[in-house]
Amino acid sequence: MPKPLTHASPSRRLSPTLTELGAMIADAEEDRDFYRGFLERAEAAGLGLSRGQRLLQRAETRIAQLQRKREVMLGWESRSQTRQ
């Protein structure tokens, strides 16, 4: 079951670590899989669920955002290692 959206506490760093991003991506993928399965069962039962479709789209968008952020961080990390 997806976790409710929460805001980061003010004391938290603004930028997550690569490990944290990996965990965030895994959580977002679990949410996506939950919504996808739910929608498949609902559609098989003849139910139209536009809200569920929006939630699935939001989960897929979140995964893409987190993956792009991870790619940027990996790029920064590789550039900083080549400078050393």
N, C-alpha and C. Protein backbone atom coordinates (compact mmCIF):
# COMPACT_ATOMS: atom_id res chain seq x y z
N MET A 1 0.85 -1.18 0.00
CA MET A 1 0.00 0.00 0.00
C MET A 1 0.89 1.23 0.00
N PRO A 2 0.63 2.21 -0.84
CA PRO A 2 1.45 3.41 -0.90
C PRO A 2 1.43 4.16 0.42
N LYS A 3 2.54 4.79 0.69
CA LYS A 3 2.66 5.59 1.90
C LYS A 3 2.10 6.98 1.64
N PRO A 4 1.50 7.61 2.67
CA PRO A 4 1.00 8.97 2.47
C PRO A 4 2.15 9.93 2.20
N LEU A 5 1.88 10.94 1.41
CA LEU A 5 2.90 11.94 1.11
C LEU A 5 3.17 12.77 2.35
N THR A 6 4.43 12.97 2.66
CA THR A 6 4.80 13.79 3.80
C THR A 6 5.86 14.78 3.35
N HIS A 7 5.99 15.85 4.07
CA HIS A 7 7.01 16.85 3.77
C HIS A 7 8.23 16.55 4.62
N ALA A 8 9.40 16.82 4.06
CA ALA A 8 10.65 16.60 4.79
C ALA A 8 10.73 17.60 5.94
N SER A 9 11.29 17.15 7.04
CA SER A 9 11.44 18.04 8.18
C SER A 9 12.46 19.12 7.84
N PRO A 10 12.35 20.31 8.44
CA PRO A 10 13.26 21.41 8.12
C PRO A 10 14.72 21.09 8.38
N SER A 11 15.02 20.20 9.33
CA SER A 11 16.41 19.90 9.65
C SER A 11 17.05 18.95 8.63
N ARG A 12 16.27 18.37 7.77
CA ARG A 12 16.77 17.40 6.79
C ARG A 12 17.53 18.11 5.67
N ARG A 13 18.60 17.44 5.19
CA ARG A 13 19.35 17.97 4.05
C ARG A 13 18.40 18.16 2.87
N LEU A 14 18.74 19.10 2.03
CA LEU A 14 17.91 19.35 0.85
C LEU A 14 18.13 18.30 -0.22
N SER A 15 19.32 17.74 -0.28
CA SER A 15 19.66 16.79 -1.34
C SER A 15 19.89 15.40 -0.75
N PRO A 16 19.13 14.41 -1.20
CA PRO A 16 19.33 13.05 -0.69
C PRO A 16 20.62 12.44 -1.24
N THR A 17 21.13 11.44 -0.53
CA THR A 17 22.31 10.72 -0.99
C THR A 17 21.88 9.74 -2.09
N LEU A 18 22.85 9.17 -2.78
CA LEU A 18 22.53 8.17 -3.81
C LEU A 18 21.81 6.98 -3.20
N THR A 19 22.21 6.58 -2.00
CA THR A 19 21.54 5.45 -1.33
C THR A 19 20.09 5.80 -1.03
N GLU A 20 19.86 7.01 -0.54
CA GLU A 20 18.50 7.44 -0.25
C GLU A 20 17.67 7.53 -1.53
N LEU A 21 18.28 8.02 -2.60
CA LEU A 21 17.57 8.08 -3.88
C LEU A 21 17.18 6.68 -4.35
N GLY A 22 18.10 5.72 -4.19
CA GLY A 22 17.77 4.34 -4.57
C GLY A 22 16.57 3.82 -3.80
N ALA A 23 16.52 4.11 -2.51
CA ALA A 23 15.38 3.69 -1.69
C ALA A 23 14.10 4.41 -2.11
N MET A 24 14.23 5.70 -2.43
CA MET A 24 13.07 6.47 -2.86
C MET A 24 12.53 5.94 -4.19
N ILE A 25 13.43 5.57 -5.09
CA ILE A 25 13.02 5.00 -6.38
C ILE A 25 12.31 3.67 -6.15
N ALA A 26 12.87 2.84 -5.28
CA ALA A 26 12.25 1.54 -4.99
C ALA A 26 10.85 1.74 -4.40
N ASP A 27 10.68 2.70 -3.49
CA ASP A 27 9.36 2.99 -2.93
C ASP A 27 8.39 3.45 -4.01
N ALA A 28 8.86 4.34 -4.89
CA ALA A 28 8.00 4.84 -5.96
C ALA A 28 7.61 3.72 -6.92
N GLU A 29 8.53 2.79 -7.17
CA GLU A 29 8.21 1.65 -8.04
C GLU A 29 7.18 0.74 -7.38
N GLU A 30 7.28 0.56 -6.07
CA GLU A 30 6.26 -0.23 -5.35
C GLU A 30 4.90 0.43 -5.45
N ASP A 31 4.87 1.76 -5.28
CA ASP A 31 3.61 2.50 -5.42
C ASP A 31 3.04 2.31 -6.82
N ARG A 32 3.90 2.47 -7.84
CA ARG A 32 3.45 2.31 -9.22
C ARG A 32 2.87 0.92 -9.45
N ASP A 33 3.57 -0.10 -8.96
CA ASP A 33 3.11 -1.47 -9.16
C ASP A 33 1.77 -1.71 -8.45
N PHE A 34 1.62 -1.11 -7.26
CA PHE A 34 0.35 -1.23 -6.54
C PHE A 34 -0.78 -0.61 -7.36
N TYR A 35 -0.58 0.63 -7.82
CA TYR A 35 -1.62 1.31 -8.59
C TYR A 35 -1.91 0.58 -9.90
N ARG A 36 -0.87 0.09 -10.55
CA ARG A 36 -1.05 -0.62 -11.82
C ARG A 36 -1.90 -1.88 -11.60
N GLY A 37 -1.55 -2.66 -10.56
CA GLY A 37 -2.32 -3.87 -10.27
C GLY A 37 -3.76 -3.56 -9.89
N PHE A 38 -3.94 -2.53 -9.08
CA PHE A 38 -5.28 -2.12 -8.68
C PHE A 38 -6.11 -1.73 -9.91
N LEU A 39 -5.50 -0.95 -10.80
CA LEU A 39 -6.23 -0.53 -12.00
C LEU A 39 -6.57 -1.70 -12.91
N GLU A 40 -5.63 -2.64 -13.04
CA GLU A 40 -5.89 -3.80 -13.88
C GLU A 40 -7.08 -4.60 -13.33
N ARG A 41 -7.13 -4.77 -12.01
CA ARG A 41 -8.26 -5.51 -11.41
C ARG A 41 -9.56 -4.72 -11.55
N ALA A 42 -9.48 -3.40 -11.38
CA ALA A 42 -10.69 -2.58 -11.49
C ALA A 42 -11.22 -2.59 -12.92
N GLU A 43 -10.32 -2.49 -13.89
CA GLU A 43 -10.75 -2.50 -15.29
C GLU A 43 -11.33 -3.86 -15.67
N ALA A 44 -10.75 -4.93 -15.12
CA ALA A 44 -11.29 -6.27 -15.39
C ALA A 44 -12.70 -6.41 -14.82
N ALA A 45 -12.97 -5.68 -13.75
CA ALA A 45 -14.30 -5.71 -13.14
C ALA A 45 -15.26 -4.72 -13.80
N GLY A 46 -14.77 -3.99 -14.81
CA GLY A 46 -15.61 -3.06 -15.53
C GLY A 46 -15.74 -1.69 -14.88
N LEU A 47 -14.82 -1.37 -13.99
CA LEU A 47 -14.86 -0.08 -13.31
C LEU A 47 -13.92 0.90 -14.01
N GLY A 48 -14.35 2.12 -14.16
CA GLY A 48 -13.49 3.17 -14.70
C GLY A 48 -12.96 4.02 -13.54
N LEU A 49 -11.69 4.08 -13.42
CA LEU A 49 -11.11 4.78 -12.27
C LEU A 49 -10.12 5.85 -12.73
N SER A 50 -10.63 7.02 -13.06
CA SER A 50 -9.74 8.08 -13.53
C SER A 50 -8.80 8.54 -12.42
N ARG A 51 -9.25 8.52 -11.17
CA ARG A 51 -8.37 8.92 -10.07
C ARG A 51 -7.19 7.94 -9.95
N GLY A 52 -7.47 6.67 -10.07
CA GLY A 52 -6.40 5.67 -10.02
C GLY A 52 -5.42 5.84 -11.16
N GLN A 53 -5.94 6.21 -12.33
CA GLN A 53 -5.06 6.46 -13.47
C GLN A 53 -4.16 7.66 -13.21
N ARG A 54 -4.71 8.70 -12.57
CA ARG A 54 -3.90 9.87 -12.23
C ARG A 54 -2.83 9.52 -11.21
N LEU A 55 -3.19 8.68 -10.23
CA LEU A 55 -2.21 8.27 -9.23
C LEU A 55 -1.09 7.44 -9.86
N LEU A 56 -1.45 6.57 -10.79
CA LEU A 56 -0.45 5.78 -11.50
C LEU A 56 0.46 6.70 -12.30
N GLN A 57 -0.11 7.67 -13.00
CA GLN A 57 0.70 8.61 -13.78
C GLN A 57 1.63 9.40 -12.87
N ARG A 58 1.13 9.82 -11.71
CA ARG A 58 1.96 10.57 -10.77
C ARG A 58 3.12 9.71 -10.27
N ALA A 59 2.86 8.43 -9.98
CA ALA A 59 3.93 7.53 -9.53
C ALA A 59 4.98 7.34 -10.62
N GLU A 60 4.53 7.18 -11.87
CA GLU A 60 5.47 7.01 -12.98
C GLU A 60 6.31 8.28 -13.19
N THR A 61 5.68 9.44 -13.04
CA THR A 61 6.40 10.71 -13.16
C THR A 61 7.44 10.84 -12.06
N ARG A 62 7.06 10.44 -10.84
CA ARG A 62 7.98 10.52 -9.70
C ARG A 62 9.20 9.62 -9.92
N ILE A 63 8.98 8.43 -10.45
CA ILE A 63 10.10 7.52 -10.74
C ILE A 63 11.05 8.18 -11.73
N ALA A 64 10.50 8.75 -12.80
CA ALA A 64 11.34 9.40 -13.82
C ALA A 64 12.13 10.56 -13.22
N GLN A 65 11.48 11.37 -12.36
CA GLN A 65 12.19 12.49 -11.73
C GLN A 65 13.34 12.00 -10.86
N LEU A 66 13.07 10.98 -10.06
CA LEU A 66 14.11 10.46 -9.16
C LEU A 66 15.25 9.83 -9.95
N GLN A 67 14.93 9.13 -11.04
CA GLN A 67 15.98 8.53 -11.86
C GLN A 67 16.84 9.60 -12.52
N ARG A 68 16.22 10.69 -12.98
CA ARG A 68 17.00 11.79 -13.56
C ARG A 68 17.91 12.42 -12.51
N LYS A 69 17.39 12.59 -11.31
CA LYS A 69 18.18 13.16 -10.23
C LYS A 69 19.38 12.26 -9.91
N ARG A 70 19.14 10.95 -9.89
CA ARG A 70 20.22 10.00 -9.62
C ARG A 70 21.28 10.08 -10.72
N GLU A 71 20.84 10.18 -11.98
CA GLU A 71 21.79 10.29 -13.10
C GLU A 71 22.64 11.54 -12.98
N VAL A 72 22.02 12.65 -12.57
CA VAL A 72 22.76 13.90 -12.39
C VAL A 72 23.79 13.73 -11.28
N MET A 73 23.36 13.13 -10.17
CA MET A 73 24.29 12.93 -9.05
C MET A 73 25.44 12.02 -9.44
N LEU A 74 25.16 10.98 -10.21
CA LEU A 74 26.22 10.08 -10.66
C LEU A 74 27.18 10.81 -11.59
N GLY A 75 26.65 11.71 -12.41
CA GLY A 75 27.50 12.52 -13.28
C GLY A 75 28.41 13.43 -12.48
N TRP A 76 27.86 14.05 -11.43
CA TRP A 76 28.68 14.90 -10.56
C TRP A 76 29.77 14.08 -9.88
N GLU A 77 29.37 12.90 -9.42
CA GLU A 77 30.33 12.04 -8.71
C GLU A 77 31.46 11.61 -9.63
N SER A 78 31.13 11.24 -10.87
CA SER A 78 32.18 10.80 -11.80
C SER A 78 33.08 11.96 -12.20
N ARG A 79 32.50 13.16 -12.36
CA ARG A 79 33.34 14.33 -12.68
C ARG A 79 34.27 14.68 -11.54
N SER A 80 33.78 14.59 -10.31
CA SER A 80 34.64 14.93 -9.17
C SER A 80 35.73 13.89 -8.98
N GLN A 81 35.47 12.64 -9.34
CA GLN A 81 36.50 11.60 -9.23
C GLN A 81 37.56 11.75 -10.28
N THR A 82 37.21 12.24 -11.47
CA THR A 82 38.20 12.41 -12.52
C THR A 82 39.11 13.61 -12.25
N ARG A 83 38.65 14.55 -11.44
CA ARG A 83 39.45 15.71 -11.09
C ARG A 83 40.50 15.40 -10.02
N GLN A 84 40.26 14.34 -9.28
CA GLN A 84 41.18 14.02 -8.17
C GLN A 84 42.43 13.35 -8.65
